[in-house]
Amino acid sequence: MTPDFSRAVVEVLGKRAAYYCSNPDCRALTTGPTTNPGKATVVGEAAHICGAREKTARFQPDMTDGARAEITNGIWLCRTCHKLVDDDERRFSAELLFEWRRLHEAYIISRVGSAADKIASDLAERQLDQFSETTPLARRIICDRPRGWEYRLTAEFLRQHTKAPLRRWDDLSEGLYTLPMMRLDEESVMPWFQAKLSEAPQLAKTLAKLHADAIVAAWGEPGQPGDPAEIQHVCQMIGSAVIRLLQWEEEVRFAYAPEPFDSLVACLPGALGLNLDKLHELPRMLDTAVDWLESNEGRPPPKTPKEFRFDLVFDLPEGWNDRINQELDRIAEGNRWRTDIL
């Protein structure tokens, strides 16, 4: 799928800007007559806020080409301002350009809109107040609501609320930081170990339920629009669940037990990290599903229905249970501790 704007998107962006440059310091008129009485000239351009291709200004590698080509990623500029913002990415950030577009469309409504249009615009602005802590792209998706916007919005919220803990998990997996060690003695090690075993499936189950049930409910019934506030709430809860899984991994990774329990405790690290690895894939999977819908819009339905699935299943490392049982048997044979917790 191409990251370039379609003719329809270019036309809508121009009309929403009333064919004036959206730079508040410019606002040059970008259309007018030519010497040919049957034609008009347009010197404005639909500019990508986040670059369309690698090495272009404000390019975001985690966006799909379909997302780059949507109206949510566009702003109407004169040719001079388009070159200006692309030549100085540091000065003209994506956040600034999103704000330019928001302010310019509000300005145009104040100039050409009816009283009802102005009231509706003010109401929409007030409704966006509850999303003040989210990304400019998320707010733009809520305003524009293109086809499949619920999935685009979910992907953006997930990136926002899981980016930091998933990055920390990657760092932990690569051994890039340490935490103070928790020293367990012979009396405390088995109760602690049993508690961690009990927590692991519950944490994964919560994450799976949020993914399988809560997000789907927030998207709304088929044919009905979703609820942006509810989508945000669920993604925030997923972010909290990811943080708790990360904390579990940190707790078991930086725990020290004396012999013969050290090998038993060493069985725990990485057990929940498998689920954290999967979450890296979810936002892009949602964007890819919308890309497919957009690229096939207007075409006959495929003979074999296209299905997108993302199953978040609590997976344990291969042979994990056997390894733990072997360690427990070894400890019991040494008469150091007798327990049957699995």
C-alpha atoms as a PDB file:
ATOM      1  CA  MET A   1       0.000   0.000   0.000  1.00  0.00           C
ATOM      2  CA  THR A   2       1.361   3.432  -0.940  1.00  0.00           C
ATOM      3  CA  PRO A   3       1.928   6.081   1.768  1.00  0.00           C
ATOM      4  CA  ASP A   4       0.852   8.841  -0.626  1.00  0.00           C
ATOM      5  CA  PHE A   5      -2.432  10.661  -0.088  1.00  0.00           C
ATOM      6  CA  SER A   6      -5.295   9.717  -2.376  1.00  0.00           C
ATOM      7  CA  ARG A   7      -6.917  12.325  -4.585  1.00  0.00           C
ATOM      8  CA  ALA A   8      -9.942  12.294  -2.275  1.00  0.00           C
ATOM      9  CA  VAL A   9      -7.808  12.967   0.817  1.00  0.00           C
ATOM     10  CA  VAL A  10      -5.981  15.839  -0.922  1.00  0.00           C
ATOM     11  CA  GLU A  11      -9.288  17.393  -1.952  1.00  0.00           C
ATOM     12  CA  VAL A  12     -10.811  17.142   1.531  1.00  0.00           C
ATOM     13  CA  LEU A  13      -7.695  18.548   3.228  1.00  0.00           C
ATOM     14  CA  GLY A  14      -7.730  21.520   0.854  1.00  0.00           C
ATOM     15  CA  LYS A  15     -11.426  22.195   1.358  1.00  0.00           C
ATOM     16  CA  ARG A  16     -11.218  21.871   5.151  1.00  0.00           C
ATOM     17  CA  ALA A  17      -8.478  24.509   5.066  1.00  0.00           C
ATOM     18  CA  ALA A  18     -10.569  26.645   2.651  1.00  0.00           C
ATOM     19  CA  TYR A  19      -7.454  26.438   0.444  1.00  0.00           C
ATOM     20  CA  TYR A  20      -5.532  28.715   2.810  1.00  0.00           C
ATOM     21  CA  CYS A  21      -2.132  27.685   4.150  1.00  0.00           C
ATOM     22  CA  SER A  22      -2.519  26.262   7.652  1.00  0.00           C
ATOM     23  CA  ASN A  23       0.636  27.977   8.931  1.00  0.00           C
ATOM     24  CA  PRO A  24      -0.819  30.654  11.263  1.00  0.00           C
ATOM     25  CA  ASP A  25       2.030  33.017  10.291  1.00  0.00           C
ATOM     26  CA  CYS A  26       1.227  32.610   6.587  1.00  0.00           C
ATOM     27  CA  ARG A  27      -2.383  31.766   5.757  1.00  0.00           C
ATOM     28  CA  ALA A  28      -1.728  32.501   2.099  1.00  0.00           C
ATOM     29  CA  LEU A  29      -4.524  31.772  -0.348  1.00  0.00           C
ATOM     30  CA  THR A  30      -3.479  28.756  -2.398  1.00  0.00           C
ATOM     31  CA  THR A  31      -6.006  28.731  -5.221  1.00  0.00           C
ATOM     32  CA  GLY A  32      -7.145  31.227  -7.814  1.00  0.00           C
ATOM     33  CA  PRO A  33      -7.879  31.858 -11.494  1.00  0.00           C
ATOM     34  CA  THR A  34      -5.542  31.358 -14.437  1.00  0.00           C
ATOM     35  CA  THR A  35      -5.459  33.011 -17.849  1.00  0.00           C
ATOM     36  CA  ASN A  36      -7.579  30.118 -19.061  1.00  0.00           C
ATOM     37  CA  PRO A  37     -11.176  30.996 -18.082  1.00  0.00           C
ATOM     38  CA  GLY A  38     -12.022  27.313 -17.772  1.00  0.00           C
ATOM     39  CA  LYS A  39      -9.334  26.501 -15.230  1.00  0.00           C
ATOM     40  CA  ALA A  40      -8.038  27.426 -11.777  1.00  0.00           C
ATOM     41  CA  THR A  41      -4.613  27.067 -10.252  1.00  0.00           C
ATOM     42  CA  VAL A  42      -3.797  25.476  -6.906  1.00  0.00           C
ATOM     43  CA  VAL A  43      -0.455  26.260  -5.283  1.00  0.00           C
ATOM     44  CA  GLY A  44      -1.224  24.512  -2.008  1.00  0.00           C
ATOM     45  CA  GLU A  45      -0.227  20.971  -1.112  1.00  0.00           C
ATOM     46  CA  ALA A  46      -1.362  18.190   1.180  1.00  0.00           C
ATOM     47  CA  ALA A  47       1.698  17.695   3.390  1.00  0.00           C
ATOM     48  CA  HIS A  48       2.472  14.662   5.506  1.00  0.00           C
ATOM     49  CA  ILE A  49       2.808  15.508   9.185  1.00  0.00           C
ATOM     50  CA  CYS A  50       4.708  12.284   9.870  1.00  0.00           C
ATOM     51  CA  GLY A  51       6.882  11.611   6.827  1.00  0.00           C
ATOM     52  CA  ALA A  52       5.639   9.337   4.071  1.00  0.00           C
ATOM     53  CA  ARG A  53       8.957   7.583   3.534  1.00  0.00           C
ATOM     54  CA  GLU A  54      12.128   6.739   5.355  1.00  0.00           C
ATOM     55  CA  LYS A  55      14.544   9.682   5.727  1.00  0.00           C
ATOM     56  CA  THR A  56      11.735  12.209   5.251  1.00  0.00           C
ATOM     57  CA  ALA A  57      10.850  14.742   7.941  1.00  0.00           C
ATOM     58  CA  ARG A  58       9.126  13.372  11.053  1.00  0.00           C
ATOM     59  CA  PHE A  59       9.092   9.814   9.697  1.00  0.00           C
ATOM     60  CA  GLN A  60       7.744   7.328  12.259  1.00  0.00           C
ATOM     61  CA  PRO A  61       8.941   3.754  11.625  1.00  0.00           C
ATOM     62  CA  ASP A  62       6.140   2.193  13.678  1.00  0.00           C
ATOM     63  CA  MET A  63       3.440   3.648  11.390  1.00  0.00           C
ATOM     64  CA  THR A  64       2.141   1.605   8.471  1.00  0.00           C
ATOM     65  CA  ASP A  65       1.891   3.065   4.967  1.00  0.00           C
ATOM     66  CA  GLY A  66      -1.890   3.048   5.286  1.00  0.00           C
ATOM     67  CA  ALA A  67      -1.732   5.179   8.432  1.00  0.00           C
ATOM     68  CA  ARG A  68       0.718   7.561   6.766  1.00  0.00           C
ATOM     69  CA  ALA A  69      -1.710   8.047   3.867  1.00  0.00           C
ATOM     70  CA  GLU A  70      -4.763   8.820   5.999  1.00  0.00           C
ATOM     71  CA  ILE A  71      -6.244  12.271   6.391  1.00  0.00           C
ATOM     72  CA  THR A  72      -5.290  12.173  10.078  1.00  0.00           C
ATOM     73  CA  ASN A  73      -1.637  12.525   9.013  1.00  0.00           C
ATOM     74  CA  GLY A  74      -2.188  15.445   6.660  1.00  0.00           C
ATOM     75  CA  ILE A  75      -2.103  19.247   6.755  1.00  0.00           C
ATOM     76  CA  TRP A  76      -2.756  21.783   3.974  1.00  0.00           C
ATOM     77  CA  LEU A  77       0.178  24.127   3.314  1.00  0.00           C
ATOM     78  CA  CYS A  78       1.367  26.457   0.591  1.00  0.00           C
ATOM     79  CA  ARG A  79       4.389  25.170  -1.310  1.00  0.00           C
ATOM     80  CA  THR A  80       6.752  27.543   0.484  1.00  0.00           C
ATOM     81  CA  CYS A  81       5.622  26.465   3.959  1.00  0.00           C
ATOM     82  CA  HIS A  82       5.622  22.814   2.922  1.00  0.00           C
ATOM     83  CA  LYS A  83       9.303  23.080   2.032  1.00  0.00           C
ATOM     84  CA  LEU A  84       9.977  25.106   5.164  1.00  0.00           C
ATOM     85  CA  VAL A  85       8.572  22.522   7.577  1.00  0.00           C
ATOM     86  CA  ASP A  86      10.239  19.612   5.796  1.00  0.00           C
ATOM     87  CA  ASP A  87      13.637  21.317   5.759  1.00  0.00           C
ATOM     88  CA  ASP A  88      13.619  21.989   9.522  1.00  0.00           C
ATOM     89  CA  GLU A  89      12.167  18.961  11.311  1.00  0.00           C
ATOM     90  CA  ARG A  90      13.545  20.034  14.684  1.00  0.00           C
ATOM     91  CA  ARG A  91      11.761  23.383  14.573  1.00  0.00           C
ATOM     92  CA  PHE A  92       8.554  22.066  13.009  1.00  0.00           C
ATOM     93  CA  SER A  93       7.655  18.966  15.032  1.00  0.00           C
ATOM     94  CA  ALA A  94       4.697  16.687  14.384  1.00  0.00           C
ATOM     95  CA  GLU A  95       3.046  18.045  17.548  1.00  0.00           C
ATOM     96  CA  LEU A  96       3.342  21.604  16.210  1.00  0.00           C
ATOM     97  CA  LEU A  97       1.857  20.692  12.821  1.00  0.00           C
ATOM     98  CA  PHE A  98      -1.064  18.856  14.417  1.00  0.00           C
ATOM     99  CA  GLU A  99      -1.726  22.008  16.444  1.00  0.00           C
ATOM    100  CA  TRP A 100      -1.489  24.178  13.323  1.00  0.00           C
ATOM    101  CA  ARG A 101      -4.152  22.098  11.647  1.00  0.00           C
ATOM    102  CA  ARG A 102      -6.439  22.158  14.670  1.00  0.00           C
ATOM    103  CA  LEU A 103      -6.176  25.915  15.068  1.00  0.00           C
ATOM    104  CA  HIS A 104      -6.555  26.584  11.336  1.00  0.00           C
ATOM    105  CA  GLU A 105      -9.714  24.500  10.977  1.00  0.00           C
ATOM    106  CA  ALA A 106     -11.179  26.280  14.013  1.00  0.00           C
ATOM    107  CA  TYR A 107     -10.250  29.589  12.388  1.00  0.00           C
ATOM    108  CA  ILE A 108     -11.955  28.634   9.106  1.00  0.00           C
ATOM    109  CA  ILE A 109     -15.114  27.560  10.944  1.00  0.00           C
ATOM    110  CA  SER A 110     -15.158  30.940  12.703  1.00  0.00           C
ATOM    111  CA  ARG A 111     -14.958  32.650   9.298  1.00  0.00           C
ATOM    112  CA  VAL A 112     -17.304  30.631   7.119  1.00  0.00           C
ATOM    113  CA  GLY A 113     -19.282  28.367   9.441  1.00  0.00           C
ATOM    114  CA  SER A 114     -22.828  28.916  10.608  1.00  0.00           C
ATOM    115  CA  ALA A 115     -23.721  29.531  14.236  1.00  0.00           C
ATOM    116  CA  ALA A 116     -24.581  25.848  14.534  1.00  0.00           C
ATOM    117  CA  ASP A 117     -21.194  24.891  13.065  1.00  0.00           C
ATOM    118  CA  LYS A 118     -19.407  27.055  15.609  1.00  0.00           C
ATOM    119  CA  ILE A 119     -21.376  25.540  18.489  1.00  0.00           C
ATOM    120  CA  ALA A 120     -20.620  22.034  17.238  1.00  0.00           C
ATOM    121  CA  SER A 121     -16.938  22.914  16.892  1.00  0.00           C
ATOM    122  CA  ASP A 122     -16.793  24.299  20.442  1.00  0.00           C
ATOM    123  CA  LEU A 123     -18.529  21.185  21.752  1.00  0.00           C
ATOM    124  CA  ALA A 124     -16.062  18.924  19.954  1.00  0.00           C
ATOM    125  CA  GLU A 125     -13.172  20.912  21.453  1.00  0.00           C
ATOM    126  CA  ARG A 126     -14.603  20.506  24.956  1.00  0.00           C
ATOM    127  CA  GLN A 127     -15.059  16.779  24.407  1.00  0.00           C
ATOM    128  CA  LEU A 128     -11.377  16.536  23.465  1.00  0.00           C
ATOM    129  CA  ASP A 129     -10.389  17.981  26.843  1.00  0.00           C
ATOM    130  CA  GLN A 130     -10.597  14.500  28.382  1.00  0.00           C
ATOM    131  CA  PHE A 131      -7.873  13.401  25.936  1.00  0.00           C
ATOM    132  CA  SER A 132      -5.481  16.246  26.758  1.00  0.00           C
ATOM    133  CA  GLU A 133      -2.860  13.823  28.081  1.00  0.00           C
ATOM    134  CA  THR A 134      -2.745  11.681  24.958  1.00  0.00           C
ATOM    135  CA  THR A 135      -0.831  12.109  21.713  1.00  0.00           C
ATOM    136  CA  PRO A 136      -1.740  14.684  19.030  1.00  0.00           C
ATOM    137  CA  LEU A 137      -2.226  11.841  16.537  1.00  0.00           C
ATOM    138  CA  ALA A 138      -4.762  10.157  18.837  1.00  0.00           C
ATOM    139  CA  ARG A 139      -6.722  13.416  19.155  1.00  0.00           C
ATOM    140  CA  ARG A 140      -6.611  13.849  15.372  1.00  0.00           C
ATOM    141  CA  ILE A 141      -7.972  10.318  14.877  1.00  0.00           C
ATOM    142  CA  ILE A 142     -10.827  11.117  17.274  1.00  0.00           C
ATOM    143  CA  CYS A 143     -11.623  14.282  15.284  1.00  0.00           C
ATOM    144  CA  ASP A 144     -11.391  12.814  11.778  1.00  0.00           C
ATOM    145  CA  ARG A 145     -12.678   9.284  12.513  1.00  0.00           C
ATOM    146  CA  PRO A 146     -11.635   7.689   9.212  1.00  0.00           C
ATOM    147  CA  ARG A 147     -12.671   4.159   8.357  1.00  0.00           C
ATOM    148  CA  GLY A 148     -11.449   1.761  11.020  1.00  0.00           C
ATOM    149  CA  TRP A 149     -10.646   4.637  13.371  1.00  0.00           C
ATOM    150  CA  GLU A 150     -11.387   2.509  16.463  1.00  0.00           C
ATOM    151  CA  TYR A 151      -8.489   0.191  15.598  1.00  0.00           C
ATOM    152  CA  ARG A 152      -6.147   3.048  14.664  1.00  0.00           C
ATOM    153  CA  LEU A 153      -6.984   4.752  17.957  1.00  0.00           C
ATOM    154  CA  THR A 154      -6.440   1.551  19.928  1.00  0.00           C
ATOM    155  CA  ALA A 155      -3.049   1.077  18.286  1.00  0.00           C
ATOM    156  CA  GLU A 156      -2.021   4.647  19.135  1.00  0.00           C
ATOM    157  CA  PHE A 157      -3.215   4.397  22.747  1.00  0.00           C
ATOM    158  CA  LEU A 158      -1.431   1.060  23.160  1.00  0.00           C
ATOM    159  CA  ARG A 159       1.802   2.563  21.892  1.00  0.00           C
ATOM    160  CA  GLN A 160       1.435   5.414  24.341  1.00  0.00           C
ATOM    161  CA  HIS A 161       0.647   3.310  27.409  1.00  0.00           C
ATOM    162  CA  THR A 162       2.906   0.309  26.787  1.00  0.00           C
ATOM    163  CA  LYS A 163       5.945   1.871  25.108  1.00  0.00           C
ATOM    164  CA  ALA A 164       7.901   2.619  28.297  1.00  0.00           C
ATOM    165  CA  PRO A 165       7.364  -0.711  30.119  1.00  0.00           C
ATOM    166  CA  LEU A 166       7.949  -2.755  26.949  1.00  0.00           C
ATOM    167  CA  ARG A 167      11.170  -0.842  26.318  1.00  0.00           C
ATOM    168  CA  ARG A 168      12.201  -1.552  29.910  1.00  0.00           C
ATOM    169  CA  TRP A 169      11.393  -5.233  29.372  1.00  0.00           C
ATOM    170  CA  ASP A 170      13.623  -5.272  26.305  1.00  0.00           C
ATOM    171  CA  ASP A 171      16.397  -3.686  28.352  1.00  0.00           C
ATOM    172  CA  LEU A 172      15.888  -6.234  31.128  1.00  0.00           C
ATOM    173  CA  SER A 173      16.005  -9.106  28.647  1.00  0.00           C
ATOM    174  CA  GLU A 174      19.331  -7.826  27.342  1.00  0.00           C
ATOM    175  CA  GLY A 175      20.727  -7.427  30.864  1.00  0.00           C
ATOM    176  CA  LEU A 176      21.126  -3.664  30.558  1.00  0.00           C
ATOM    177  CA  TYR A 177      20.198  -2.820  34.165  1.00  0.00           C
ATOM    178  CA  THR A 178      20.099  -4.360  37.623  1.00  0.00           C
ATOM    179  CA  LEU A 179      18.062  -3.866  40.799  1.00  0.00           C
ATOM    180  CA  PRO A 180      18.876  -4.600  44.443  1.00  0.00           C
ATOM    181  CA  MET A 181      18.826  -8.342  45.073  1.00  0.00           C
ATOM    182  CA  MET A 182      16.148  -9.847  47.315  1.00  0.00           C
ATOM    183  CA  ARG A 183      17.864 -12.426  49.533  1.00  0.00           C
ATOM    184  CA  LEU A 184      15.636 -15.353  50.488  1.00  0.00           C
ATOM    185  CA  ASP A 185      16.467 -17.676  53.371  1.00  0.00           C
ATOM    186  CA  GLU A 186      15.516 -21.350  53.670  1.00  0.00           C
ATOM    187  CA  GLU A 187      12.316 -20.559  55.578  1.00  0.00           C
ATOM    188  CA  SER A 188      10.993 -17.916  53.218  1.00  0.00           C
ATOM    189  CA  VAL A 189      12.034 -19.249  49.830  1.00  0.00           C
ATOM    190  CA  MET A 190       9.262 -21.815  49.307  1.00  0.00           C
ATOM    191  CA  PRO A 191       6.339 -19.563  50.373  1.00  0.00           C
ATOM    192  CA  TRP A 192       7.773 -16.835  48.115  1.00  0.00           C
ATOM    193  CA  PHE A 193       8.177 -19.296  45.232  1.00  0.00           C
ATOM    194  CA  GLN A 194       4.619 -20.567  45.611  1.00  0.00           C
ATOM    195  CA  ALA A 195       3.289 -17.005  45.655  1.00  0.00           C
ATOM    196  CA  LYS A 196       5.075 -16.207  42.403  1.00  0.00           C
ATOM    197  CA  LEU A 197       3.696 -19.352  40.771  1.00  0.00           C
ATOM    198  CA  SER A 198       0.172 -18.356  41.820  1.00  0.00           C
ATOM    199  CA  GLU A 199       0.563 -14.787  40.574  1.00  0.00           C
ATOM    200  CA  ALA A 200       1.878 -15.656  37.124  1.00  0.00           C
ATOM    201  CA  PRO A 201      -1.259 -17.191  35.557  1.00  0.00           C
ATOM    202  CA  GLN A 202      -3.508 -14.571  37.197  1.00  0.00           C
ATOM    203  CA  LEU A 203      -1.473 -11.724  35.727  1.00  0.00           C
ATOM    204  CA  ALA A 204      -1.503 -13.280  32.264  1.00  0.00           C
ATOM    205  CA  LYS A 205      -5.225 -14.060  32.544  1.00  0.00           C
ATOM    206  CA  THR A 206      -6.002 -10.414  33.347  1.00  0.00           C
ATOM    207  CA  LEU A 207      -4.026  -9.229  30.338  1.00  0.00           C
ATOM    208  CA  ALA A 208      -5.732 -11.747  28.062  1.00  0.00           C
ATOM    209  CA  LYS A 209      -9.188 -10.727  29.310  1.00  0.00           C
ATOM    210  CA  LEU A 210      -8.492  -7.061  28.653  1.00  0.00           C
ATOM    211  CA  HIS A 211      -7.400  -7.940  25.124  1.00  0.00           C
ATOM    212  CA  ALA A 212     -10.124 -10.450  24.315  1.00  0.00           C
ATOM    213  CA  ASP A 213     -13.149  -8.839  25.988  1.00  0.00           C
ATOM    214  CA  ALA A 214     -12.658  -5.264  27.129  1.00  0.00           C
ATOM    215  CA  ILE A 215     -11.157  -3.884  23.918  1.00  0.00           C
ATOM    216  CA  VAL A 216     -13.795  -5.560  21.751  1.00  0.00           C
ATOM    217  CA  ALA A 217     -16.556  -4.088  23.932  1.00  0.00           C
ATOM    218  CA  ALA A 218     -15.001  -0.616  23.623  1.00  0.00           C
ATOM    219  CA  TRP A 219     -15.051  -0.917  19.822  1.00  0.00           C
ATOM    220  CA  GLY A 220     -18.845  -1.205  19.932  1.00  0.00           C
ATOM    221  CA  GLU A 221     -21.294  -3.508  18.219  1.00  0.00           C
ATOM    222  CA  PRO A 222     -20.761  -4.201  14.488  1.00  0.00           C
ATOM    223  CA  GLY A 223     -21.954  -1.190  12.518  1.00  0.00           C
ATOM    224  CA  GLN A 224     -21.931   1.074  15.575  1.00  0.00           C
ATOM    225  CA  PRO A 225     -19.176   3.553  16.446  1.00  0.00           C
ATOM    226  CA  GLY A 226     -16.877   2.796  19.316  1.00  0.00           C
ATOM    227  CA  ASP A 227     -16.325   4.872  22.434  1.00  0.00           C
ATOM    228  CA  PRO A 228     -12.989   6.783  22.402  1.00  0.00           C
ATOM    229  CA  ALA A 229     -13.039   7.294  26.163  1.00  0.00           C
ATOM    230  CA  GLU A 230     -13.611   3.607  26.788  1.00  0.00           C
ATOM    231  CA  ILE A 231     -10.884   2.638  24.315  1.00  0.00           C
ATOM    232  CA  GLN A 232      -8.505   4.936  26.164  1.00  0.00           C
ATOM    233  CA  HIS A 233      -9.539   3.452  29.528  1.00  0.00           C
ATOM    234  CA  VAL A 234      -8.954  -0.132  28.399  1.00  0.00           C
ATOM    235  CA  CYS A 235      -5.562   0.736  26.898  1.00  0.00           C
ATOM    236  CA  GLN A 236      -4.580   2.442  30.141  1.00  0.00           C
ATOM    237  CA  MET A 237      -5.507  -0.735  32.031  1.00  0.00           C
ATOM    238  CA  ILE A 238      -3.461  -2.813  29.585  1.00  0.00           C
ATOM    239  CA  GLY A 239      -0.560  -0.473  30.243  1.00  0.00           C
ATOM    240  CA  SER A 240      -0.972  -1.036  33.997  1.00  0.00           C
ATOM    241  CA  ALA A 241      -1.111  -4.813  33.467  1.00  0.00           C
ATOM    242  CA  VAL A 242       2.078  -4.691  31.395  1.00  0.00           C
ATOM    243  CA  ILE A 243       3.812  -2.781  34.194  1.00  0.00           C
ATOM    244  CA  ARG A 244       2.760  -5.436  36.703  1.00  0.00           C
ATOM    245  CA  LEU A 245       4.074  -8.243  34.470  1.00  0.00           C
ATOM    246  CA  LEU A 246       7.345  -6.377  34.156  1.00  0.00           C
ATOM    247  CA  GLN A 247       7.520  -5.981  37.926  1.00  0.00           C
ATOM    248  CA  TRP A 248       6.970  -9.736  38.351  1.00  0.00           C
ATOM    249  CA  GLU A 249       9.842 -10.426  35.964  1.00  0.00           C
ATOM    250  CA  GLU A 250      12.061  -8.001  37.870  1.00  0.00           C
ATOM    251  CA  GLU A 251      11.144  -9.561  41.209  1.00  0.00           C
ATOM    252  CA  VAL A 252      12.001 -13.108  40.128  1.00  0.00           C
ATOM    253  CA  ARG A 253      15.087 -12.083  38.167  1.00  0.00           C
ATOM    254  CA  PHE A 254      16.669 -10.227  41.063  1.00  0.00           C
ATOM    255  CA  ALA A 255      15.913 -12.767  43.801  1.00  0.00           C
ATOM    256  CA  TYR A 256      18.683 -14.794  45.400  1.00  0.00           C
ATOM    257  CA  ALA A 257      18.133 -18.117  47.185  1.00  0.00           C
ATOM    258  CA  PRO A 258      20.738 -20.354  48.882  1.00  0.00           C
ATOM    259  CA  GLU A 259      21.464 -23.878  47.698  1.00  0.00           C
ATOM    260  CA  PRO A 260      19.650 -26.100  46.920  1.00  0.00           C
ATOM    261  CA  PHE A 261      16.857 -23.597  46.094  1.00  0.00           C
ATOM    262  CA  ASP A 262      18.842 -21.413  43.720  1.00  0.00           C
ATOM    263  CA  SER A 263      18.152 -23.653  40.703  1.00  0.00           C
ATOM    264  CA  LEU A 264      14.438 -23.687  41.535  1.00  0.00           C
ATOM    265  CA  VAL A 265      14.200 -19.898  41.663  1.00  0.00           C
ATOM    266  CA  ALA A 266      16.138 -19.728  38.378  1.00  0.00           C
ATOM    267  CA  CYS A 267      13.180 -21.445  36.665  1.00  0.00           C
ATOM    268  CA  LEU A 268      10.983 -18.337  36.959  1.00  0.00           C
ATOM    269  CA  PRO A 269      12.611 -15.548  34.882  1.00  0.00           C
ATOM    270  CA  GLY A 270      11.139 -15.218  31.401  1.00  0.00           C
ATOM    271  CA  ALA A 271       7.916 -17.124  32.090  1.00  0.00           C
ATOM    272  CA  LEU A 272       5.715 -14.036  31.764  1.00  0.00           C
ATOM    273  CA  GLY A 273       8.069 -12.228  29.430  1.00  0.00           C
ATOM    274  CA  LEU A 274       6.721 -14.327  26.565  1.00  0.00           C
ATOM    275  CA  ASN A 275       3.474 -12.376  26.833  1.00  0.00           C
ATOM    276  CA  LEU A 276       5.294  -9.051  26.910  1.00  0.00           C
ATOM    277  CA  ASP A 277       7.056 -10.005  23.680  1.00  0.00           C
ATOM    278  CA  LYS A 278       3.689 -10.606  22.025  1.00  0.00           C
ATOM    279  CA  LEU A 279       2.382  -7.166  22.951  1.00  0.00           C
ATOM    280  CA  HIS A 280       5.025  -5.544  20.766  1.00  0.00           C
ATOM    281  CA  GLU A 281       3.083  -6.884  17.772  1.00  0.00           C
ATOM    282  CA  LEU A 282      -0.448  -5.793  18.666  1.00  0.00           C
ATOM    283  CA  PRO A 283      -0.511  -2.107  17.551  1.00  0.00           C
ATOM    284  CA  ARG A 284       0.974  -2.890  14.149  1.00  0.00           C
ATOM    285  CA  MET A 285      -1.394  -5.819  13.692  1.00  0.00           C
ATOM    286  CA  LEU A 286      -4.360  -3.468  14.236  1.00  0.00           C
ATOM    287  CA  ASP A 287      -2.969  -0.928  11.763  1.00  0.00           C
ATOM    288  CA  THR A 288      -2.287  -3.673   9.211  1.00  0.00           C
ATOM    289  CA  ALA A 289      -5.908  -4.852   9.453  1.00  0.00           C
ATOM    290  CA  VAL A 290      -7.181  -1.334   8.695  1.00  0.00           C
ATOM    291  CA  ASP A 291      -4.676  -0.991   5.838  1.00  0.00           C
ATOM    292  CA  TRP A 292      -6.085  -4.143   4.288  1.00  0.00           C
ATOM    293  CA  LEU A 293      -9.652  -2.861   4.596  1.00  0.00           C
ATOM    294  CA  GLU A 294      -8.734   0.447   2.972  1.00  0.00           C
ATOM    295  CA  SER A 295      -6.768  -1.121   0.128  1.00  0.00           C
ATOM    296  CA  ASN A 296      -9.691  -3.412  -0.694  1.00  0.00           C
ATOM    297  CA  GLU A 297     -12.465  -0.852  -0.333  1.00  0.00           C
ATOM    298  CA  GLY A 298     -14.875  -1.070  -3.267  1.00  0.00           C
ATOM    299  CA  ARG A 299     -13.597  -4.450  -4.427  1.00  0.00           C
ATOM    300  CA  PRO A 300     -15.736  -7.587  -4.456  1.00  0.00           C
ATOM    301  CA  PRO A 301     -15.493  -9.613  -1.235  1.00  0.00           C
ATOM    302  CA  PRO A 302     -12.748 -12.262  -1.412  1.00  0.00           C
ATOM    303  CA  LYS A 303     -13.844 -15.866  -1.874  1.00  0.00           C
ATOM    304  CA  THR A 304     -11.936 -16.723   1.276  1.00  0.00           C
ATOM    305  CA  PRO A 305     -12.708 -14.198   4.034  1.00  0.00           C
ATOM    306  CA  LYS A 306      -9.683 -12.347   5.373  1.00  0.00           C
ATOM    307  CA  GLU A 307      -9.247 -12.930   9.074  1.00  0.00           C
ATOM    308  CA  PHE A 308      -6.927 -11.115  11.437  1.00  0.00           C
ATOM    309  CA  ARG A 309      -6.238 -12.806  14.755  1.00  0.00           C
ATOM    310  CA  PHE A 310      -4.115 -11.966  17.726  1.00  0.00           C
ATOM    311  CA  ASP A 311      -4.329 -14.568  20.460  1.00  0.00           C
ATOM    312  CA  LEU A 312      -2.809 -13.535  23.755  1.00  0.00           C
ATOM    313  CA  VAL A 313      -2.341 -16.885  25.471  1.00  0.00           C
ATOM    314  CA  PHE A 314      -0.470 -17.538  28.679  1.00  0.00           C
ATOM    315  CA  ASP A 315       2.460 -19.522  27.399  1.00  0.00           C
ATOM    316  CA  LEU A 316       5.106 -21.109  29.580  1.00  0.00           C
ATOM    317  CA  PRO A 317       8.574 -21.974  28.347  1.00  0.00           C
ATOM    318  CA  GLU A 318       8.804 -25.396  26.779  1.00  0.00           C
ATOM    319  CA  GLY A 319       9.379 -28.011  29.479  1.00  0.00           C
ATOM    320  CA  TRP A 320       8.902 -25.425  32.245  1.00  0.00           C
ATOM    321  CA  ASN A 321       6.659 -27.595  34.452  1.00  0.00           C
ATOM    322  CA  ASP A 322       8.977 -30.585  34.064  1.00  0.00           C
ATOM    323  CA  ARG A 323      11.967 -28.489  35.017  1.00  0.00           C
ATOM    324  CA  ILE A 324      10.274 -27.199  38.181  1.00  0.00           C
ATOM    325  CA  ASN A 325       9.144 -30.684  39.180  1.00  0.00           C
ATOM    326  CA  GLN A 326      12.675 -32.007  38.727  1.00  0.00           C
ATOM    327  CA  GLU A 327      14.031 -29.257  40.955  1.00  0.00           C
ATOM    328  CA  LEU A 328      11.398 -29.948  43.619  1.00  0.00           C
ATOM    329  CA  ASP A 329      12.203 -33.671  43.552  1.00  0.00           C
ATOM    330  CA  ARG A 330      15.882 -32.913  43.893  1.00  0.00           C
ATOM    331  CA  ILE A 331      15.254 -30.697  46.908  1.00  0.00           C
ATOM    332  CA  ALA A 332      12.972 -33.260  48.527  1.00  0.00           C
ATOM    333  CA  GLU A 333      15.484 -36.056  48.021  1.00  0.00           C
ATOM    334  CA  GLY A 334      18.033 -33.999  49.907  1.00  0.00           C
ATOM    335  CA  ASN A 335      15.632 -33.775  52.846  1.00  0.00           C
ATOM    336  CA  ARG A 336      16.050 -30.013  52.823  1.00  0.00           C
ATOM    337  CA  TRP A 337      12.437 -29.268  52.001  1.00  0.00           C
ATOM    338  CA  ARG A 338       9.372 -31.372  51.189  1.00  0.00           C
ATOM    339  CA  THR A 339       6.525 -29.785  49.339  1.00  0.00           C
ATOM    340  CA  ASP A 340       4.044 -30.490  46.604  1.00  0.00           C
ATOM    341  CA  ILE A 341       2.928 -27.172  45.192  1.00  0.00           C
ATOM    342  CA  LEU A 342       2.373 -28.024  41.543  1.00  0.00           C
END
